N, C-alpha and C. Protein backbone atom coordinates (compact mmCIF):
# COMPACT_ATOMS: atom_id res chain seq x y z
N MET A 1 -3.85 -59.22 -0.19
CA MET A 1 -4.91 -58.33 -0.61
C MET A 1 -4.94 -57.05 0.23
N LYS A 2 -4.75 -57.21 1.57
CA LYS A 2 -4.77 -56.05 2.45
C LYS A 2 -3.62 -55.11 2.15
N SER A 3 -2.46 -55.63 1.87
CA SER A 3 -1.31 -54.77 1.63
C SER A 3 -1.47 -53.99 0.32
N LEU A 4 -2.14 -54.53 -0.68
CA LEU A 4 -2.40 -53.82 -1.93
C LEU A 4 -3.33 -52.63 -1.69
N LYS A 5 -4.40 -52.83 -0.87
CA LYS A 5 -5.32 -51.75 -0.54
C LYS A 5 -4.59 -50.67 0.26
N LYS A 6 -3.76 -51.10 1.19
CA LYS A 6 -3.02 -50.16 2.03
C LYS A 6 -2.03 -49.35 1.17
N THR A 7 -1.38 -49.99 0.24
CA THR A 7 -0.43 -49.32 -0.64
C THR A 7 -1.17 -48.30 -1.53
N ARG A 8 -2.30 -48.68 -2.07
CA ARG A 8 -3.09 -47.78 -2.92
C ARG A 8 -3.57 -46.56 -2.11
N ARG A 9 -4.03 -46.81 -0.89
CA ARG A 9 -4.51 -45.72 -0.04
C ARG A 9 -3.37 -44.73 0.25
N ILE A 10 -2.19 -45.22 0.54
CA ILE A 10 -1.03 -44.36 0.81
C ILE A 10 -0.66 -43.58 -0.45
N GLN A 11 -0.69 -44.22 -1.61
CA GLN A 11 -0.38 -43.54 -2.86
C GLN A 11 -1.39 -42.42 -3.14
N VAL A 12 -2.67 -42.67 -2.91
CA VAL A 12 -3.71 -41.65 -3.12
C VAL A 12 -3.49 -40.47 -2.17
N ILE A 13 -3.14 -40.76 -0.93
CA ILE A 13 -2.88 -39.69 0.04
C ILE A 13 -1.69 -38.85 -0.40
N PHE A 14 -0.60 -39.46 -0.82
CA PHE A 14 0.57 -38.71 -1.29
C PHE A 14 0.26 -37.87 -2.52
N VAL A 15 -0.47 -38.41 -3.47
CA VAL A 15 -0.83 -37.67 -4.68
C VAL A 15 -1.73 -36.47 -4.31
N THR A 16 -2.66 -36.68 -3.40
CA THR A 16 -3.55 -35.59 -2.97
C THR A 16 -2.77 -34.48 -2.28
N VAL A 17 -1.87 -34.83 -1.37
CA VAL A 17 -1.06 -33.84 -0.67
C VAL A 17 -0.19 -33.08 -1.67
N PHE A 18 0.43 -33.78 -2.59
CA PHE A 18 1.26 -33.13 -3.61
C PHE A 18 0.44 -32.17 -4.45
N ALA A 19 -0.77 -32.58 -4.85
CA ALA A 19 -1.64 -31.72 -5.67
C ALA A 19 -2.05 -30.46 -4.90
N LEU A 20 -2.34 -30.59 -3.62
CA LEU A 20 -2.70 -29.43 -2.80
C LEU A 20 -1.52 -28.47 -2.65
N ILE A 21 -0.34 -28.99 -2.42
CA ILE A 21 0.86 -28.15 -2.30
C ILE A 21 1.13 -27.44 -3.62
N LEU A 22 1.04 -28.14 -4.74
CA LEU A 22 1.25 -27.55 -6.05
C LEU A 22 0.21 -26.46 -6.34
N ALA A 23 -1.07 -26.72 -6.04
CA ALA A 23 -2.12 -25.74 -6.28
C ALA A 23 -1.90 -24.48 -5.42
N THR A 24 -1.54 -24.66 -4.17
CA THR A 24 -1.27 -23.52 -3.29
C THR A 24 -0.09 -22.70 -3.81
N GLY A 25 0.95 -23.36 -4.25
CA GLY A 25 2.11 -22.66 -4.80
C GLY A 25 1.77 -21.88 -6.06
N LEU A 26 0.99 -22.47 -6.94
CA LEU A 26 0.60 -21.79 -8.18
C LEU A 26 -0.30 -20.59 -7.90
N ILE A 27 -1.21 -20.70 -6.95
CA ILE A 27 -2.08 -19.58 -6.59
C ILE A 27 -1.24 -18.45 -6.01
N GLY A 28 -0.32 -18.76 -5.12
CA GLY A 28 0.57 -17.75 -4.54
C GLY A 28 1.42 -17.07 -5.59
N TYR A 29 1.94 -17.84 -6.53
CA TYR A 29 2.76 -17.29 -7.61
C TYR A 29 1.94 -16.35 -8.49
N ALA A 30 0.70 -16.72 -8.79
CA ALA A 30 -0.15 -15.91 -9.65
C ALA A 30 -0.57 -14.60 -8.97
N MET A 31 -0.66 -14.61 -7.65
CA MET A 31 -1.14 -13.43 -6.93
C MET A 31 -0.01 -12.52 -6.45
N ARG A 32 1.23 -12.87 -6.67
CA ARG A 32 2.35 -12.11 -6.10
C ARG A 32 2.38 -10.66 -6.55
N ASP A 33 1.95 -10.35 -7.77
CA ASP A 33 1.96 -8.98 -8.27
C ASP A 33 0.75 -8.19 -7.82
N GLY A 34 -0.29 -8.86 -7.37
CA GLY A 34 -1.52 -8.19 -6.98
C GLY A 34 -1.54 -7.76 -5.53
N ILE A 35 -0.53 -8.10 -4.77
CA ILE A 35 -0.50 -7.76 -3.35
C ILE A 35 0.33 -6.50 -3.16
N ASN A 36 -0.28 -5.47 -2.61
CA ASN A 36 0.42 -4.21 -2.34
C ASN A 36 0.36 -3.94 -0.85
N PHE A 37 1.50 -3.91 -0.19
CA PHE A 37 1.55 -3.66 1.23
C PHE A 37 1.50 -2.16 1.50
N PHE A 38 0.90 -1.79 2.64
CA PHE A 38 0.81 -0.40 3.04
C PHE A 38 1.99 -0.04 3.94
N ARG A 39 2.55 1.15 3.71
CA ARG A 39 3.63 1.66 4.57
C ARG A 39 3.38 3.14 4.84
N SER A 40 3.74 3.56 6.04
CA SER A 40 3.68 4.98 6.36
C SER A 40 5.01 5.61 5.94
N PRO A 41 5.08 6.93 5.82
CA PRO A 41 6.35 7.56 5.46
C PRO A 41 7.49 7.21 6.43
N SER A 42 7.21 7.10 7.71
CA SER A 42 8.25 6.72 8.69
C SER A 42 8.79 5.33 8.40
N GLN A 43 7.91 4.41 8.05
CA GLN A 43 8.35 3.05 7.73
C GLN A 43 9.18 3.02 6.45
N VAL A 44 8.80 3.84 5.47
CA VAL A 44 9.54 3.88 4.20
C VAL A 44 10.96 4.38 4.43
N LEU A 45 11.11 5.44 5.24
CA LEU A 45 12.44 5.98 5.49
C LEU A 45 13.27 5.09 6.41
N ALA A 46 12.62 4.40 7.34
CA ALA A 46 13.34 3.50 8.24
C ALA A 46 13.86 2.27 7.51
N GLU A 47 13.04 1.72 6.65
CA GLU A 47 13.40 0.52 5.88
C GLU A 47 13.00 0.72 4.43
N PRO A 48 13.83 1.40 3.63
CA PRO A 48 13.45 1.66 2.24
C PRO A 48 13.23 0.36 1.45
N PRO A 49 12.10 0.26 0.74
CA PRO A 49 11.84 -0.92 -0.08
C PRO A 49 12.71 -0.90 -1.33
N SER A 50 12.82 -2.05 -1.97
CA SER A 50 13.59 -2.12 -3.21
C SER A 50 12.86 -1.36 -4.32
N ALA A 51 13.61 -0.94 -5.32
CA ALA A 51 13.04 -0.11 -6.40
C ALA A 51 12.00 -0.85 -7.23
N ASN A 52 12.02 -2.17 -7.23
CA ASN A 52 11.05 -2.91 -8.05
C ASN A 52 9.83 -3.35 -7.25
N GLU A 53 9.73 -2.97 -5.97
CA GLU A 53 8.59 -3.36 -5.14
C GLU A 53 7.49 -2.30 -5.22
N THR A 54 6.29 -2.73 -5.59
CA THR A 54 5.13 -1.85 -5.61
C THR A 54 4.44 -1.94 -4.26
N PHE A 55 4.14 -0.78 -3.67
CA PHE A 55 3.46 -0.75 -2.38
C PHE A 55 2.60 0.50 -2.29
N ARG A 56 1.84 0.61 -1.19
CA ARG A 56 1.00 1.78 -0.97
C ARG A 56 1.59 2.61 0.16
N ILE A 57 1.53 3.92 0.01
CA ILE A 57 1.97 4.84 1.04
C ILE A 57 0.82 5.77 1.34
N GLY A 58 0.68 6.15 2.60
CA GLY A 58 -0.42 7.02 2.96
C GLY A 58 -0.06 7.97 4.08
N GLY A 59 -0.79 9.05 4.16
CA GLY A 59 -0.59 10.04 5.19
C GLY A 59 -1.29 11.32 4.78
N LEU A 60 -0.79 12.43 5.30
CA LEU A 60 -1.34 13.73 4.95
C LEU A 60 -0.46 14.41 3.92
N VAL A 61 -1.07 15.12 2.99
CA VAL A 61 -0.31 15.91 2.01
C VAL A 61 0.26 17.09 2.78
N GLU A 62 1.57 17.20 2.79
CA GLU A 62 2.24 18.23 3.58
C GLU A 62 1.92 19.63 3.05
N GLU A 63 1.61 20.53 3.97
CA GLU A 63 1.25 21.90 3.59
C GLU A 63 2.44 22.60 2.94
N GLY A 64 2.18 23.27 1.84
CA GLY A 64 3.21 24.02 1.12
C GLY A 64 4.08 23.18 0.21
N SER A 65 3.77 21.89 0.09
CA SER A 65 4.64 21.02 -0.72
C SER A 65 4.08 20.73 -2.11
N LEU A 66 2.84 21.08 -2.37
CA LEU A 66 2.19 20.75 -3.64
C LEU A 66 2.73 21.65 -4.76
N ARG A 67 3.32 21.03 -5.78
CA ARG A 67 3.89 21.75 -6.93
C ARG A 67 3.39 21.10 -8.21
N ARG A 68 2.92 21.90 -9.11
CA ARG A 68 2.45 21.39 -10.40
C ARG A 68 3.51 21.68 -11.45
N GLY A 69 3.89 20.64 -12.19
CA GLY A 69 4.90 20.79 -13.23
C GLY A 69 4.24 20.97 -14.59
N GLN A 70 4.98 20.64 -15.63
CA GLN A 70 4.43 20.74 -16.98
C GLN A 70 3.46 19.61 -17.23
N GLY A 71 2.38 19.91 -17.91
CA GLY A 71 1.38 18.89 -18.22
C GLY A 71 0.67 18.44 -16.95
N HIS A 72 0.63 17.14 -16.77
CA HIS A 72 -0.07 16.56 -15.63
C HIS A 72 0.89 16.08 -14.56
N VAL A 73 2.13 16.58 -14.53
CA VAL A 73 3.11 16.16 -13.53
C VAL A 73 2.91 16.98 -12.25
N VAL A 74 2.77 16.27 -11.13
CA VAL A 74 2.55 16.90 -9.84
C VAL A 74 3.54 16.31 -8.85
N SER A 75 4.10 17.16 -7.99
CA SER A 75 4.96 16.66 -6.92
C SER A 75 4.49 17.27 -5.60
N PHE A 76 4.64 16.51 -4.55
CA PHE A 76 4.25 16.94 -3.21
C PHE A 76 4.93 16.01 -2.22
N SER A 77 4.76 16.27 -0.95
CA SER A 77 5.30 15.41 0.10
C SER A 77 4.14 14.86 0.91
N VAL A 78 4.27 13.61 1.32
CA VAL A 78 3.28 12.98 2.19
C VAL A 78 3.95 12.76 3.54
N THR A 79 3.22 13.05 4.61
CA THR A 79 3.80 12.95 5.95
C THR A 79 2.86 12.22 6.90
N ASP A 80 3.46 11.62 7.91
CA ASP A 80 2.68 11.03 9.00
C ASP A 80 2.98 11.75 10.30
N GLY A 81 3.62 12.89 10.20
CA GLY A 81 3.98 13.68 11.37
C GLY A 81 5.38 13.39 11.86
N GLY A 82 5.89 12.21 11.58
CA GLY A 82 7.23 11.83 12.01
C GLY A 82 8.24 11.89 10.90
N ALA A 83 7.79 11.70 9.68
CA ALA A 83 8.68 11.71 8.52
C ALA A 83 7.89 12.19 7.31
N SER A 84 8.63 12.60 6.30
CA SER A 84 8.03 13.12 5.08
C SER A 84 8.72 12.48 3.88
N VAL A 85 7.92 12.03 2.91
CA VAL A 85 8.46 11.39 1.71
C VAL A 85 8.00 12.18 0.49
N PRO A 86 8.95 12.58 -0.39
CA PRO A 86 8.55 13.26 -1.62
C PRO A 86 7.86 12.30 -2.57
N VAL A 87 6.83 12.80 -3.25
CA VAL A 87 6.02 11.99 -4.17
C VAL A 87 5.92 12.71 -5.50
N THR A 88 6.04 11.96 -6.59
CA THR A 88 5.75 12.51 -7.92
C THR A 88 4.63 11.67 -8.53
N PHE A 89 3.79 12.33 -9.30
CA PHE A 89 2.66 11.65 -9.93
C PHE A 89 2.40 12.31 -11.27
N GLU A 90 2.22 11.50 -12.29
CA GLU A 90 1.88 12.01 -13.61
C GLU A 90 0.49 11.53 -13.95
N GLY A 91 -0.43 12.46 -13.98
CA GLY A 91 -1.82 12.12 -14.25
C GLY A 91 -2.72 13.18 -13.66
N ILE A 92 -4.00 12.88 -13.64
CA ILE A 92 -4.99 13.82 -13.12
C ILE A 92 -5.29 13.42 -11.68
N LEU A 93 -5.14 14.37 -10.78
CA LEU A 93 -5.41 14.13 -9.36
C LEU A 93 -6.90 14.09 -9.10
N PRO A 94 -7.32 13.36 -8.06
CA PRO A 94 -8.74 13.36 -7.69
C PRO A 94 -9.20 14.78 -7.33
N ASP A 95 -10.47 15.08 -7.51
CA ASP A 95 -11.01 16.41 -7.23
C ASP A 95 -10.79 16.85 -5.78
N LEU A 96 -10.86 15.92 -4.85
CA LEU A 96 -10.75 16.27 -3.43
C LEU A 96 -9.32 16.27 -2.92
N PHE A 97 -8.35 16.15 -3.80
CA PHE A 97 -6.95 16.13 -3.39
C PHE A 97 -6.49 17.55 -3.08
N GLU A 98 -5.96 17.76 -1.86
CA GLU A 98 -5.43 19.07 -1.48
C GLU A 98 -4.49 18.90 -0.29
N GLU A 99 -3.83 19.99 0.06
CA GLU A 99 -2.88 19.97 1.17
C GLU A 99 -3.61 19.76 2.49
N ASN A 100 -2.90 19.12 3.44
CA ASN A 100 -3.42 18.81 4.77
C ASN A 100 -4.59 17.85 4.75
N GLN A 101 -4.74 17.08 3.67
CA GLN A 101 -5.80 16.08 3.58
C GLN A 101 -5.17 14.70 3.42
N GLY A 102 -5.92 13.68 3.81
CA GLY A 102 -5.43 12.31 3.71
C GLY A 102 -5.36 11.83 2.28
N MET A 103 -4.37 10.99 2.00
CA MET A 103 -4.23 10.38 0.67
C MET A 103 -3.54 9.04 0.81
N VAL A 104 -3.77 8.20 -0.19
CA VAL A 104 -3.07 6.92 -0.32
C VAL A 104 -2.60 6.83 -1.76
N GLY A 105 -1.33 6.49 -1.94
CA GLY A 105 -0.78 6.35 -3.28
C GLY A 105 -0.19 4.97 -3.48
N THR A 106 -0.29 4.47 -4.69
CA THR A 106 0.31 3.19 -5.06
C THR A 106 1.45 3.47 -6.03
N GLY A 107 2.60 2.86 -5.81
CA GLY A 107 3.72 3.08 -6.71
C GLY A 107 5.00 2.46 -6.18
N ARG A 108 6.14 3.05 -6.57
CA ARG A 108 7.46 2.52 -6.21
C ARG A 108 8.34 3.63 -5.64
N TYR A 109 9.25 3.25 -4.76
CA TYR A 109 10.18 4.18 -4.12
C TYR A 109 11.51 4.06 -4.85
N ILE A 110 11.84 5.07 -5.67
CA ILE A 110 13.03 5.02 -6.51
C ILE A 110 13.88 6.26 -6.23
N ASN A 111 15.13 6.03 -5.85
CA ASN A 111 16.10 7.11 -5.59
C ASN A 111 15.57 8.16 -4.63
N GLY A 112 14.93 7.73 -3.57
CA GLY A 112 14.46 8.64 -2.53
C GLY A 112 13.16 9.35 -2.84
N VAL A 113 12.50 8.99 -3.94
CA VAL A 113 11.22 9.63 -4.32
C VAL A 113 10.20 8.52 -4.60
N PHE A 114 9.00 8.69 -4.05
CA PHE A 114 7.92 7.74 -4.32
C PHE A 114 7.27 8.14 -5.63
N GLU A 115 7.38 7.29 -6.63
CA GLU A 115 6.78 7.54 -7.95
C GLU A 115 5.43 6.84 -8.00
N ALA A 116 4.38 7.61 -7.85
CA ALA A 116 3.02 7.08 -7.75
C ALA A 116 2.43 6.78 -9.12
N SER A 117 1.77 5.66 -9.21
CA SER A 117 1.03 5.31 -10.43
C SER A 117 -0.46 5.56 -10.23
N GLU A 118 -0.88 5.67 -8.95
CA GLU A 118 -2.28 5.91 -8.62
C GLU A 118 -2.34 6.70 -7.32
N ILE A 119 -3.24 7.67 -7.26
CA ILE A 119 -3.45 8.49 -6.07
C ILE A 119 -4.93 8.44 -5.71
N LEU A 120 -5.20 8.15 -4.45
CA LEU A 120 -6.57 8.18 -3.94
C LEU A 120 -6.65 9.24 -2.86
N ALA A 121 -7.73 10.00 -2.85
CA ALA A 121 -7.93 11.04 -1.84
C ALA A 121 -9.18 10.71 -1.04
N LYS A 122 -9.32 11.37 0.08
CA LYS A 122 -10.51 11.15 0.91
C LYS A 122 -11.77 11.50 0.12
N HIS A 123 -12.90 10.92 0.51
CA HIS A 123 -14.10 11.18 -0.27
C HIS A 123 -15.14 12.04 0.44
N ASP A 124 -14.94 12.36 1.69
CA ASP A 124 -15.79 13.33 2.36
C ASP A 124 -15.02 13.95 3.51
N GLU A 125 -15.68 14.75 4.33
CA GLU A 125 -14.97 15.50 5.36
C GLU A 125 -14.38 14.63 6.46
N THR A 126 -14.95 13.47 6.72
CA THR A 126 -14.51 12.69 7.88
C THR A 126 -13.75 11.42 7.51
N TYR A 127 -13.79 10.98 6.28
CA TYR A 127 -13.17 9.71 5.92
C TYR A 127 -11.66 9.82 5.76
N MET A 128 -10.96 8.82 6.30
CA MET A 128 -9.54 8.66 6.05
C MET A 128 -9.28 7.15 6.13
N PRO A 129 -8.47 6.60 5.23
CA PRO A 129 -8.23 5.16 5.26
C PRO A 129 -7.69 4.71 6.62
N LYS A 130 -8.11 3.52 7.04
CA LYS A 130 -7.72 2.98 8.35
C LYS A 130 -6.21 2.93 8.51
N GLU A 131 -5.49 2.54 7.46
CA GLU A 131 -4.04 2.45 7.55
C GLU A 131 -3.41 3.81 7.83
N VAL A 132 -3.98 4.85 7.21
CA VAL A 132 -3.46 6.21 7.40
C VAL A 132 -3.74 6.67 8.83
N ILE A 133 -4.95 6.40 9.33
CA ILE A 133 -5.29 6.77 10.71
C ILE A 133 -4.34 6.08 11.69
N ASP A 134 -4.11 4.77 11.48
CA ASP A 134 -3.22 4.03 12.37
C ASP A 134 -1.81 4.60 12.35
N ALA A 135 -1.31 4.95 11.16
CA ALA A 135 0.04 5.51 11.05
C ALA A 135 0.13 6.88 11.73
N LEU A 136 -0.92 7.70 11.57
CA LEU A 136 -0.92 9.03 12.19
C LEU A 136 -1.06 8.92 13.71
N LYS A 137 -1.87 7.97 14.19
CA LYS A 137 -1.99 7.76 15.63
C LYS A 137 -0.66 7.31 16.22
N GLU A 138 0.05 6.45 15.49
CA GLU A 138 1.34 5.96 15.95
C GLU A 138 2.34 7.09 16.15
N GLN A 139 2.23 8.12 15.31
CA GLN A 139 3.12 9.28 15.40
C GLN A 139 2.58 10.34 16.35
N GLY A 140 1.35 10.16 16.86
CA GLY A 140 0.76 11.12 17.77
C GLY A 140 0.23 12.37 17.09
N VAL A 141 -0.07 12.28 15.79
CA VAL A 141 -0.50 13.45 15.02
C VAL A 141 -2.01 13.45 14.81
N TYR A 142 -2.63 12.29 14.80
CA TYR A 142 -4.05 12.18 14.44
C TYR A 142 -4.94 12.77 15.52
N LYS A 143 -5.90 13.58 15.09
CA LYS A 143 -6.92 14.13 16.00
C LYS A 143 -8.27 13.65 15.52
N GLU A 144 -9.07 13.12 16.43
CA GLU A 144 -10.40 12.65 16.09
C GLU A 144 -11.23 13.82 15.58
N ALA A 145 -12.00 13.57 14.52
CA ALA A 145 -12.86 14.62 13.97
C ALA A 145 -14.05 14.84 14.88
N ASP A 146 -14.47 16.08 15.06
CA ASP A 146 -15.64 16.38 15.86
C ASP A 146 -16.87 16.16 14.99
N THR A 147 -17.72 15.21 15.40
CA THR A 147 -18.90 14.88 14.59
C THR A 147 -20.02 15.88 14.78
N GLY A 148 -19.98 16.66 15.85
CA GLY A 148 -20.98 17.70 16.05
C GLY A 148 -22.35 17.16 16.41
N SER A 149 -22.46 15.92 16.88
CA SER A 149 -23.78 15.39 17.20
C SER A 149 -24.11 15.52 18.65
């Protein structure tokens, strides 16, 4: 009688562990497309991602690099002070998007150009995404904003 209970208990434990492993694997598989890693321009040039990998890039819009093409096509370069990556975007840019301002773009790095599917710009005078600040500090370019208080 004891060995039957012990066998059942071991079987229940194995089935539970298998179910947890399977559930974790399925959740990870379902979320694989929703995860976008952040990279600075220096990181992109040092270790170029594959053309099918979607990621976020951030930094400052390089002065003098903003070019508007036909329709809603825009090209510019994003820099972290150490490296510069050309970016193309087809769509309407945020109102606060301009040169020498912080931005974060989501897209793919194809043939040496970051093709953005989404562009986010700062929303007030002092805000910049944490990842962009960290990347700029790493390059020694970031200057703390004077709050004037």
